[in-house]
Protein backbone atom coordinates (compact mmCIF):
# COMPACT_ATOMS: atom_id res chain seq x y z
CA MET A 1 57.40 93.42 170.42
CA SER A 2 55.79 90.11 169.97
CA ASN A 3 52.89 88.07 171.80
CA THR A 4 54.49 84.62 171.04
CA GLN A 5 56.13 82.07 173.51
CA PRO A 6 59.42 80.34 172.94
CA GLY A 7 58.69 77.71 170.42
CA GLN A 8 55.47 78.75 169.46
CA GLU A 9 54.84 79.05 165.58
CA VAL A 10 54.20 82.74 164.22
CA GLU A 11 51.02 83.00 162.05
CA HIS A 12 51.80 84.86 158.66
CA ASP A 13 49.29 87.29 157.15
CA GLU A 14 47.31 86.29 154.00
CA HIS A 15 48.01 89.55 152.29
CA PRO A 16 51.42 91.32 153.73
CA ALA A 17 52.25 94.75 153.30
CA VAL A 18 55.03 94.35 150.95
CA GLN A 19 54.15 91.77 147.80
CA SER A 20 56.71 90.17 146.04
CA GLY A 21 57.60 90.91 142.58
CA TYR A 22 59.14 87.75 141.65
CA LYS A 23 57.48 85.69 138.75
CA ASN A 24 57.86 82.55 140.66
CA SER A 25 55.85 83.74 143.80
CA PRO A 26 52.60 82.79 144.54
CA ASP A 27 51.48 86.57 144.52
CA ALA A 28 52.53 86.85 140.91
CA LYS A 29 50.00 84.21 139.58
CA ASP A 30 46.97 86.59 140.75
CA GLN A 31 48.39 89.57 139.20
CA PRO A 32 47.81 90.14 135.35
CA GLN A 33 51.08 91.36 133.41
CA THR A 34 50.62 94.78 132.27
CA PRO A 35 52.14 95.18 128.55
CA LEU A 36 54.19 97.75 127.80
CA PRO A 37 53.13 100.93 126.28
CA LYS A 38 55.42 100.41 123.09
CA PHE A 39 53.54 102.88 120.98
CA GLN A 40 53.50 105.73 124.17
CA LEU A 41 57.18 105.48 124.66
CA PHE A 42 57.80 105.50 120.79
CA LEU A 43 55.83 108.91 120.88
CA VAL A 44 58.44 110.53 123.58
CA PHE A 45 61.53 109.06 121.97
CA LEU A 46 60.36 110.83 118.82
CA ILE A 47 59.81 114.22 120.29
CA GLN A 48 63.04 113.94 122.47
CA PHE A 49 65.02 112.98 119.57
CA SER A 50 63.72 115.63 117.04
CA GLU A 51 63.79 118.35 119.78
CA PRO A 52 67.41 118.81 119.33
CA ILE A 53 67.66 118.66 115.38
CA ALA A 54 64.99 121.30 115.51
CA ALA A 55 67.32 123.19 117.75
CA SER A 56 70.56 122.90 115.68
CA VAL A 57 68.88 124.51 112.93
CA ILE A 58 69.60 127.96 113.58
CA TYR A 59 73.50 127.55 113.88
CA PRO A 60 74.13 127.91 110.21
CA PHE A 61 72.49 130.78 109.85
CA VAL A 62 72.84 132.75 113.24
CA ASN A 63 75.72 134.54 112.12
CA GLN A 64 74.43 136.23 109.04
CA PHE A 65 71.38 136.84 111.06
CA VAL A 66 73.29 139.28 113.55
CA ARG A 67 75.40 140.78 110.30
CA ASP A 68 72.08 141.72 108.56
CA THR A 69 70.37 143.04 111.78
CA GLY A 70 73.04 145.65 112.11
CA ILE A 71 73.30 145.13 116.00
CA THR A 72 77.54 144.97 115.52
CA ARG A 73 77.22 148.30 113.57
CA GLY A 74 79.53 146.53 111.09
CA ASP A 75 82.16 145.48 113.36
CA ASP A 76 82.55 141.61 112.44
CA ARG A 77 84.71 141.38 115.31
CA LYS A 78 81.61 141.22 117.59
CA THR A 79 79.24 139.22 115.06
CA GLY A 80 80.58 135.98 116.87
CA TYR A 81 79.76 137.20 120.69
CA TYR A 82 76.14 138.40 119.55
CA ALA A 83 75.50 134.91 117.93
CA GLY A 84 76.94 133.31 120.98
CA VAL A 85 74.12 135.28 123.09
CA ILE A 86 71.40 134.16 120.74
CA VAL A 87 72.52 130.61 120.86
CA SER A 88 72.58 130.33 124.45
CA VAL A 89 69.81 132.34 125.81
CA PRO A 90 67.38 129.22 125.29
CA THR A 91 69.42 127.58 127.78
CA PHE A 92 68.79 129.80 130.73
CA THR A 93 65.13 129.94 130.04
């Protein structure tokens, strides 16, 4: 509820609760622009880009690994099942 009478002007606060983020606003001139942290963003991009590449290196070798461990006991039909288990385990952890 306001304490103003009809026809009376409302005074505005010098420091509003929500400041405008527009470049042409009076408040924008008082605030310095912060630079974009390009190097840090590049490092995050590099890590995000290299992790899936490193994780996919196992695919050509996993079938041979399953055969060499002997977990299938010579049954080559089970090789795909165990290879799938090995490849999918990291998604559940």
